[in-house]
């Protein structure tokens, strides 16, 4: 029973979080892109490298990863429902 509870908790959470980024609700994917660029730039400045920061990942990449996470959430939810049966 405890595995079903874990899967039924993690599944919908992954669905909501993944679809939030995949659908770019309120600019979530763009914000992740900006945050990754800022973090990379800060790390480079801390090392003493004052050149331009390389582009780590685009918003399209984060949208793709969000859709994969949402699909994994569907699998977790279905697995939890099957565990209950």
PDB file of N, CA and C in Angstrom:
ATOM      1  N   UNK A   1       0.824  -1.197   0.000  1.00  0.00           N
ATOM      2  CA  UNK A   1       0.000   0.000   0.000  1.00  0.00           C
ATOM      3  C   UNK A   1       0.858   1.247   0.000  1.00  0.00           C
ATOM      4  N   UNK A   2       2.028   1.202   0.638  1.00  0.00           N
ATOM      5  CA  UNK A   2       2.849   2.408   0.719  1.00  0.00           C
ATOM      6  C   UNK A   2       3.438   2.787  -0.640  1.00  0.00           C
ATOM      7  N   UNK A   3       3.750   1.797  -1.483  1.00  0.00           N
ATOM      8  CA  UNK A   3       4.253   2.108  -2.815  1.00  0.00           C
ATOM      9  C   UNK A   3       3.184   2.828  -3.631  1.00  0.00           C
ATOM     10  N   UNK A   4       1.954   2.422  -3.498  1.00  0.00           N
ATOM     11  CA  UNK A   4       0.867   3.075  -4.220  1.00  0.00           C
ATOM     12  C   UNK A   4       0.719   4.528  -3.771  1.00  0.00           C
ATOM     13  N   UNK A   5       0.857   4.770  -2.487  1.00  0.00           N
ATOM     14  CA  UNK A   5       0.749   6.136  -1.976  1.00  0.00           C
ATOM     15  C   UNK A   5       1.878   6.999  -2.518  1.00  0.00           C
ATOM     16  N   UNK A   6       3.083   6.446  -2.561  1.00  0.00           N
ATOM     17  CA  UNK A   6       4.227   7.198  -3.093  1.00  0.00           C
ATOM     18  C   UNK A   6       4.019   7.505  -4.567  1.00  0.00           C
ATOM     19  N   UNK A   7       3.605   6.515  -5.334  1.00  0.00           N
ATOM     20  CA  UNK A   7       3.396   6.725  -6.767  1.00  0.00           C
ATOM     21  C   UNK A   7       2.249   7.688  -7.036  1.00  0.00           C
ATOM     22  N   UNK A   8       1.192   7.602  -6.237  1.00  0.00           N
ATOM     23  CA  UNK A   8       0.053   8.505  -6.437  1.00  0.00           C
ATOM     24  C   UNK A   8       0.339   9.912  -5.905  1.00  0.00           C
ATOM     25  N   UNK A   9       1.398  10.071  -5.165  1.00  0.00           N
ATOM     26  CA  UNK A   9       1.820  11.411  -4.756  1.00  0.00           C
ATOM     27  C   UNK A   9       2.816  11.993  -5.756  1.00  0.00           C
ATOM     28  N   UNK A  10       3.781  11.188  -6.152  1.00  0.00           N
ATOM     29  CA  UNK A  10       4.818  11.665  -7.074  1.00  0.00           C
ATOM     30  C   UNK A  10       4.279  11.855  -8.490  1.00  0.00           C
ATOM     31  N   UNK A  11       3.351  11.015  -8.899  1.00  0.00           N
ATOM     32  CA  UNK A  11       2.816  11.088 -10.260  1.00  0.00           C
ATOM     33  C   UNK A  11       2.130  12.409 -10.584  1.00  0.00           C
ATOM     34  N   UNK A  12       1.087  12.773  -9.857  1.00  0.00           N
ATOM     35  CA  UNK A  12       0.436  14.056 -10.157  1.00  0.00           C
ATOM     36  C   UNK A  12       1.349  15.264  -9.950  1.00  0.00           C
ATOM     37  N   UNK A  13       2.270  15.167  -8.997  1.00  0.00           N
ATOM     38  CA  UNK A  13       3.222  16.264  -8.802  1.00  0.00           C
ATOM     39  C   UNK A  13       4.106  16.431 -10.034  1.00  0.00           C
ATOM     40  N   UNK A  14       4.583  15.326 -10.583  1.00  0.00           N
ATOM     41  CA  UNK A  14       5.404  15.377 -11.792  1.00  0.00           C
ATOM     42  C   UNK A  14       4.590  15.841 -12.991  1.00  0.00           C
ATOM     43  N   UNK A  15       3.332  15.444 -13.060  1.00  0.00           N
ATOM     44  CA  UNK A  15       2.474  15.888 -14.159  1.00  0.00           C
ATOM     45  C   UNK A  15       2.306  17.400 -14.128  1.00  0.00           C
ATOM     46  N   UNK A  16       2.009  17.933 -12.958  1.00  0.00           N
ATOM     47  CA  UNK A  16       1.785  19.377 -12.841  1.00  0.00           C
ATOM     48  C   UNK A  16       3.074  20.143 -13.109  1.00  0.00           C
ATOM     49  N   UNK A  17       4.167  19.724 -12.490  1.00  0.00           N
ATOM     50  CA  UNK A  17       5.438  20.444 -12.670  1.00  0.00           C
ATOM     51  C   UNK A  17       5.939  20.343 -14.103  1.00  0.00           C
ATOM     52  N   UNK A  18       5.866  19.165 -14.681  1.00  0.00           N
ATOM     53  CA  UNK A  18       6.335  18.984 -16.052  1.00  0.00           C
ATOM     54  C   UNK A  18       5.491  19.729 -17.064  1.00  0.00           C
ATOM     55  N   UNK A  19       4.185  19.689 -16.898  1.00  0.00           N
ATOM     56  CA  UNK A  19       3.332  20.394 -17.854  1.00  0.00           C
ATOM     57  C   UNK A  19       3.443  21.904 -17.673  1.00  0.00           C
ATOM     58  N   UNK A  20       3.745  22.364 -16.464  1.00  0.00           N
ATOM     59  CA  UNK A  20       3.938  23.801 -16.228  1.00  0.00           C
ATOM     60  C   UNK A  20       5.102  24.319 -17.083  1.00  0.00           C
ATOM     61  N   UNK A  21       6.190  23.557 -17.122  1.00  0.00           N
ATOM     62  CA  UNK A  21       7.344  23.962 -17.921  1.00  0.00           C
ATOM     63  C   UNK A  21       7.106  23.663 -19.398  1.00  0.00           C
ATOM     64  N   UNK A  22       6.521  22.511 -19.709  1.00  0.00           N
ATOM     65  CA  UNK A  22       6.322  22.127 -21.106  1.00  0.00           C
ATOM     66  C   UNK A  22       5.397  23.091 -21.834  1.00  0.00           C
ATOM     67  N   UNK A  23       4.389  23.576 -21.154  1.00  0.00           N
ATOM     68  CA  UNK A  23       3.464  24.519 -21.775  1.00  0.00           C
ATOM     69  C   UNK A  23       3.913  25.967 -21.607  1.00  0.00           C
ATOM     70  N   UNK A  24       5.039  26.165 -20.930  1.00  0.00           N
ATOM     71  CA  UNK A  24       5.626  27.487 -20.716  1.00  0.00           C
ATOM     72  C   UNK A  24       4.639  28.443 -20.054  1.00  0.00           C
ATOM     73  N   UNK A  25       3.962  27.943 -19.038  1.00  0.00           N
ATOM     74  CA  UNK A  25       2.987  28.750 -18.307  1.00  0.00           C
ATOM     75  C   UNK A  25       3.734  29.821 -17.536  1.00  0.00           C
ATOM     76  N   UNK A  26       3.316  31.047 -17.722  1.00  0.00           N
ATOM     77  CA  UNK A  26       3.917  32.227 -17.100  1.00  0.00           C
ATOM     78  C   UNK A  26       5.411  32.311 -17.358  1.00  0.00           C
ATOM     79  N   UNK A  27       5.850  31.822 -18.523  1.00  0.00           N
ATOM     80  CA  UNK A  27       7.249  31.938 -18.917  1.00  0.00           C
ATOM     81  C   UNK A  27       8.200  31.075 -18.120  1.00  0.00           C
ATOM     82  N   UNK A  28       7.745  29.908 -17.687  1.00  0.00           N
ATOM     83  CA  UNK A  28       8.574  29.041 -16.844  1.00  0.00           C
ATOM     84  C   UNK A  28       9.826  28.567 -17.574  1.00  0.00           C
ATOM     85  N   UNK A  29       9.699  28.157 -18.821  1.00  0.00           N
ATOM     86  CA  UNK A  29      10.863  27.671 -19.570  1.00  0.00           C
ATOM     87  C   UNK A  29      11.836  28.808 -19.847  1.00  0.00           C
ATOM     88  N   UNK A  30      11.318  29.979 -20.170  1.00  0.00           N
ATOM     89  CA  UNK A  30      12.193  31.131 -20.415  1.00  0.00           C
ATOM     90  C   UNK A  30      12.902  31.553 -19.135  1.00  0.00           C
ATOM     91  N   UNK A  31      12.220  31.463 -18.005  1.00  0.00           N
ATOM     92  CA  UNK A  31      12.848  31.808 -16.729  1.00  0.00           C
ATOM     93  C   UNK A  31      13.955  30.814 -16.383  1.00  0.00           C
ATOM     94  N   UNK A  32      13.738  29.530 -16.668  1.00  0.00           N
ATOM     95  CA  UNK A  32      14.782  28.537 -16.427  1.00  0.00           C
ATOM     96  C   UNK A  32      15.998  28.807 -17.311  1.00  0.00           C
ATOM     97  N   UNK A  33      15.758  29.218 -18.551  1.00  0.00           N
ATOM     98  CA  UNK A  33      16.855  29.545 -19.461  1.00  0.00           C
ATOM     99  C   UNK A  33      17.657  30.739 -18.932  1.00  0.00           C
ATOM    100  N   UNK A  34      16.953  31.780 -18.478  1.00  0.00           N
ATOM    101  CA  UNK A  34      17.637  32.958 -17.937  1.00  0.00           C
ATOM    102  C   UNK A  34      18.406  32.617 -16.666  1.00  0.00           C
ATOM    103  N   UNK A  35      17.826  31.769 -15.825  1.00  0.00           N
ATOM    104  CA  UNK A  35      18.491  31.397 -14.577  1.00  0.00           C
ATOM    105  C   UNK A  35      19.759  30.592 -14.849  1.00  0.00           C
ATOM    106  N   UNK A  36      19.695  29.676 -15.811  1.00  0.00           N
ATOM    107  CA  UNK A  36      20.885  28.893 -16.152  1.00  0.00           C
ATOM    108  C   UNK A  36      21.983  29.791 -16.708  1.00  0.00           C
ATOM    109  N   UNK A  37      21.615  30.762 -17.529  1.00  0.00           N
ATOM    110  CA  UNK A  37      22.614  31.683 -18.079  1.00  0.00           C
ATOM    111  C   UNK A  37      23.236  32.535 -16.977  1.00  0.00           C
ATOM    112  N   UNK A  38      22.419  33.016 -16.054  1.00  0.00           N
ATOM    113  CA  UNK A  38      22.932  33.838 -14.960  1.00  0.00           C
ATOM    114  C   UNK A  38      23.838  33.034 -14.038  1.00  0.00           C
ATOM    115  N   UNK A  39      23.467  31.803 -13.752  1.00  0.00           N
ATOM    116  CA  UNK A  39      24.278  30.946 -12.889  1.00  0.00           C
ATOM    117  C   UNK A  39      25.622  30.647 -13.539  1.00  0.00           C
ATOM    118  N   UNK A  40      25.600  30.371 -14.840  1.00  0.00           N
ATOM    119  CA  UNK A  40      26.842  30.104 -15.562  1.00  0.00           C
ATOM    120  C   UNK A  40      27.736  31.335 -15.568  1.00  0.00           C
ATOM    121  N   UNK A  41      27.137  32.494 -15.771  1.00  0.00           N
ATOM    122  CA  UNK A  41      27.912  33.727 -15.776  1.00  0.00           C
ATOM    123  C   UNK A  41      28.533  34.005 -14.405  1.00  0.00           C
ATOM    124  N   UNK A  42      27.760  33.788 -13.342  1.00  0.00           N
ATOM    125  CA  UNK A  42      28.300  33.987 -11.999  1.00  0.00           C
ATOM    126  C   UNK A  42      29.435  33.014 -11.693  1.00  0.00           C
ATOM    127  N   UNK A  43      29.306  31.779 -12.122  1.00  0.00           N
ATOM    128  CA  UNK A  43      30.366  30.791 -11.891  1.00  0.00           C
ATOM    129  C   UNK A  43      31.626  31.170 -12.662  1.00  0.00           C
ATOM    130  N   UNK A  44      31.456  31.677 -13.864  1.00  0.00           N
ATOM    131  CA  UNK A  44      32.616  32.094 -14.644  1.00  0.00           C
ATOM    132  C   UNK A  44      33.303  33.294 -14.001  1.00  0.00           C
ATOM    133  N   UNK A  45      32.536  34.241 -13.505  1.00  0.00           N
ATOM    134  CA  UNK A  45      33.119  35.410 -12.843  1.00  0.00           C
ATOM    135  C   UNK A  45      33.833  35.001 -11.555  1.00  0.00           C
ATOM    136  N   UNK A  46      33.299  34.023 -10.853  1.00  0.00           N
ATOM    137  CA  UNK A  46      33.948  33.557  -9.623  1.00  0.00           C
ATOM    138  C   UNK A  46      35.298  32.902  -9.916  1.00  0.00           C
ATOM    139  N   UNK A  47      35.405  32.268 -11.083  1.00  0.00           N
ATOM    140  CA  UNK A  47      36.670  31.658 -11.488  1.00  0.00           C
ATOM    141  C   UNK A  47      37.647  32.679 -12.054  1.00  0.00           C
ATOM    142  N   UNK A  48      37.155  33.882 -12.329  1.00  0.00           N
ATOM    143  CA  UNK A  48      38.014  34.918 -12.898  1.00  0.00           C
ATOM    144  C   UNK A  48      37.929  35.019 -14.400  1.00  0.00           C
ATOM    145  N   UNK A  49      37.075  34.253 -15.021  1.00  0.00           N
ATOM    146  CA  UNK A  49      36.888  34.310 -16.472  1.00  0.00           C
ATOM    147  C   UNK A  49      35.859  35.382 -16.780  1.00  0.00           C
ATOM    148  N   UNK A  50      36.279  36.448 -17.453  1.00  0.00           N
ATOM    149  CA  UNK A  50      35.376  37.563 -17.717  1.00  0.00           C
ATOM    150  C   UNK A  50      34.810  37.551 -19.130  1.00  0.00           C
ATOM    151  N   UNK A  51      34.971  36.451 -19.845  1.00  0.00           N
ATOM    152  CA  UNK A  51      34.442  36.338 -21.195  1.00  0.00           C
ATOM    153  C   UNK A  51      32.941  36.088 -21.170  1.00  0.00           C
ATOM    154  N   UNK A  52      32.346  36.010 -22.354  1.00  0.00           N
ATOM    155  CA  UNK A  52      30.905  35.754 -22.419  1.00  0.00           C
ATOM    156  C   UNK A  52      30.575  34.330 -21.985  1.00  0.00           C
ATOM    157  N   UNK A  53      29.461  34.193 -21.326  1.00  0.00           N
ATOM    158  CA  UNK A  53      29.043  32.875 -20.840  1.00  0.00           C
ATOM    159  C   UNK A  53      28.493  32.049 -21.999  1.00  0.00           C
ATOM    160  N   UNK A  54      28.867  30.781 -22.061  1.00  0.00           N
ATOM    161  CA  UNK A  54      28.311  29.933 -23.121  1.00  0.00           C
ATOM    162  C   UNK A  54      26.838  29.640 -22.844  1.00  0.00           C
ATOM    163  N   UNK A  55      26.096  29.445 -23.891  1.00  0.00           N
ATOM    164  CA  UNK A  55      24.678  29.126 -23.746  1.00  0.00           C
ATOM    165  C   UNK A  55      24.545  27.677 -23.308  1.00  0.00           C
ATOM    166  N   UNK A  56      23.920  27.474 -22.178  1.00  0.00           N
ATOM    167  CA  UNK A  56      23.840  26.133 -21.605  1.00  0.00           C
ATOM    168  C   UNK A  56      22.688  25.351 -22.251  1.00  0.00           C
ATOM    169  N   UNK A  57      21.489  25.856 -22.132  1.00  0.00           N
ATOM    170  CA  UNK A  57      20.331  25.179 -22.697  1.00  0.00           C
ATOM    171  C   UNK A  57      19.287  26.230 -23.075  1.00  0.00           C
ATOM    172  N   UNK A  58      18.549  25.935 -24.122  1.00  0.00           N
ATOM    173  CA  UNK A  58      17.527  26.877 -24.585  1.00  0.00           C
ATOM    174  C   UNK A  58      16.198  26.582 -23.902  1.00  0.00           C
ATOM    175  N   UNK A  59      15.262  27.493 -24.088  1.00  0.00           N
ATOM    176  CA  UNK A  59      13.926  27.295 -23.525  1.00  0.00           C
ATOM    177  C   UNK A  59      13.253  26.076 -24.167  1.00  0.00           C
ATOM    178  N   UNK A  60      13.553  25.827 -25.435  1.00  0.00           N
ATOM    179  CA  UNK A  60      12.981  24.660 -26.116  1.00  0.00           C
ATOM    180  C   UNK A  60      13.449  23.368 -25.453  1.00  0.00           C
ATOM    181  N   UNK A  61      14.709  23.313 -25.014  1.00  0.00           N
ATOM    182  CA  UNK A  61      15.223  22.134 -24.315  1.00  0.00           C
ATOM    183  C   UNK A  61      14.465  21.919 -23.009  1.00  0.00           C
ATOM    184  N   UNK A  62      14.248  22.997 -22.258  1.00  0.00           N
ATOM    185  CA  UNK A  62      13.515  22.873 -20.993  1.00  0.00           C
ATOM    186  C   UNK A  62      12.067  22.457 -21.228  1.00  0.00           C
ATOM    187  N   UNK A  63      11.472  22.911 -22.315  1.00  0.00           N
ATOM    188  CA  UNK A  63      10.106  22.482 -22.636  1.00  0.00           C
ATOM    189  C   UNK A  63      10.075  20.994 -22.960  1.00  0.00           C
ATOM    190  N   UNK A  64      11.099  20.507 -23.680  1.00  0.00           N
ATOM    191  CA  UNK A  64      11.177  19.093 -23.996  1.00  0.00           C
ATOM    192  C   UNK A  64      11.340  18.257 -22.721  1.00  0.00           C
ATOM    193  N   UNK A  65      12.236  18.676 -21.843  1.00  0.00           N
ATOM    194  CA  UNK A  65      12.449  17.960 -20.589  1.00  0.00           C
ATOM    195  C   UNK A  65      11.177  17.986 -19.738  1.00  0.00           C
ATOM    196  N   UNK A  66      10.457  19.111 -19.739  1.00  0.00           N
ATOM    197  CA  UNK A  66       9.197  19.205 -19.005  1.00  0.00           C
ATOM    198  C   UNK A  66       8.157  18.230 -19.530  1.00  0.00           C
ATOM    199  N   UNK A  67       8.109  18.057 -20.849  1.00  0.00           N
ATOM    200  CA  UNK A  67       7.139  17.105 -21.400  1.00  0.00           C
ATOM    201  C   UNK A  67       7.509  15.672 -21.042  1.00  0.00           C
ATOM    202  N   UNK A  68       8.803  15.365 -20.995  1.00  0.00           N
ATOM    203  CA  UNK A  68       9.236  14.020 -20.586  1.00  0.00           C
ATOM    204  C   UNK A  68       8.871  13.770 -19.118  1.00  0.00           C
ATOM    205  N   UNK A  69       9.071  14.774 -18.274  1.00  0.00           N
ATOM    206  CA  UNK A  69       8.723  14.635 -16.861  1.00  0.00           C
ATOM    207  C   UNK A  69       7.216  14.450 -16.689  1.00  0.00           C
ATOM    208  N   UNK A  70       6.421  15.191 -17.469  1.00  0.00           N
ATOM    209  CA  UNK A  70       4.964  15.043 -17.379  1.00  0.00           C
ATOM    210  C   UNK A  70       4.530  13.647 -17.806  1.00  0.00           C
ATOM    211  N   UNK A  71       5.140  13.110 -18.857  1.00  0.00           N
ATOM    212  CA  UNK A  71       4.793  11.751 -19.292  1.00  0.00           C
ATOM    213  C   UNK A  71       5.219  10.715 -18.255  1.00  0.00           C
ATOM    214  N   UNK A  72       6.354  10.915 -17.618  1.00  0.00           N
ATOM    215  CA  UNK A  72       6.764  10.010 -16.534  1.00  0.00           C
ATOM    216  C   UNK A  72       5.788  10.094 -15.362  1.00  0.00           C
ATOM    217  N   UNK A  73       5.236  11.274 -15.112  1.00  0.00           N
ATOM    218  CA  UNK A  73       4.233  11.422 -14.063  1.00  0.00           C
ATOM    219  C   UNK A  73       2.976  10.641 -14.369  1.00  0.00           C
ATOM    220  N   UNK A  74       2.604  10.598 -15.656  1.00  0.00           N
ATOM    221  CA  UNK A  74       1.441   9.797 -16.051  1.00  0.00           C
ATOM    222  C   UNK A  74       1.720   8.320 -15.795  1.00  0.00           C
ATOM    223  N   UNK A  75       2.923   7.879 -16.112  1.00  0.00           N
ATOM    224  CA  UNK A  75       3.285   6.475 -15.878  1.00  0.00           C
ATOM    225  C   UNK A  75       3.271   6.159 -14.381  1.00  0.00           C
ATOM    226  N   UNK A  76       3.805   7.060 -13.560  1.00  0.00           N
ATOM    227  CA  UNK A  76       3.785   6.850 -12.110  1.00  0.00           C
ATOM    228  C   UNK A  76       2.356   6.776 -11.586  1.00  0.00           C
ATOM    229  N   UNK A  77       1.501   7.660 -12.067  1.00  0.00           N
ATOM    230  CA  UNK A  77       0.118   7.671 -11.608  1.00  0.00           C
ATOM    231  C   UNK A  77      -0.600   6.378 -12.001  1.00  0.00           C
ATOM    232  N   UNK A  78      -0.406   5.943 -13.234  1.00  0.00           N
ATOM    233  CA  UNK A  78      -1.032   4.690 -13.654  1.00  0.00           C
ATOM    234  C   UNK A  78      -0.469   3.501 -12.875  1.00  0.00           C
ATOM    235  N   UNK A  79       0.823   3.516 -12.600  1.00  0.00           N
ATOM    236  CA  UNK A  79       1.419   2.456 -11.783  1.00  0.00           C
ATOM    237  C   UNK A  79       0.853   2.433 -10.379  1.00  0.00           C
ATOM    238  N   UNK A  80       0.609   3.613  -9.799  1.00  0.00           N
ATOM    239  CA  UNK A  80       0.003   3.684  -8.482  1.00  0.00           C
ATOM    240  C   UNK A  80      -1.425   3.171  -8.469  1.00  0.00           C
ATOM    241  N   UNK A  81      -2.161   3.473  -9.537  1.00  0.00           N
ATOM    242  CA  UNK A  81      -3.530   2.983  -9.626  1.00  0.00           C
ATOM    243  C   UNK A  81      -3.568   1.471  -9.809  1.00  0.00           C
ATOM    244  N   UNK A  82      -2.622   0.937 -10.571  1.00  0.00           N
ATOM    245  CA  UNK A  82      -2.560  -0.507 -10.735  1.00  0.00           C
ATOM    246  C   UNK A  82      -2.145  -1.200  -9.440  1.00  0.00           C
ATOM    247  N   UNK A  83      -1.302  -0.548  -8.665  1.00  0.00           N
ATOM    248  CA  UNK A  83      -0.871  -1.113  -7.380  1.00  0.00           C
ATOM    249  C   UNK A  83      -2.036  -1.208  -6.391  1.00  0.00           C
ATOM    250  N   UNK A  84      -2.960  -0.250  -6.488  1.00  0.00           N
ATOM    251  CA  UNK A  84      -4.126  -0.283  -5.591  1.00  0.00           C
ATOM    252  C   UNK A  84      -5.076  -1.428  -5.935  1.00  0.00           C
ATOM    253  N   UNK A  85      -5.164  -1.760  -7.207  1.00  0.00           N
ATOM    254  CA  UNK A  85      -6.118  -2.766  -7.657  1.00  0.00           C
ATOM    255  C   UNK A  85      -5.743  -4.157  -7.265  1.00  0.00           C
TER     256      UNK A  85
END
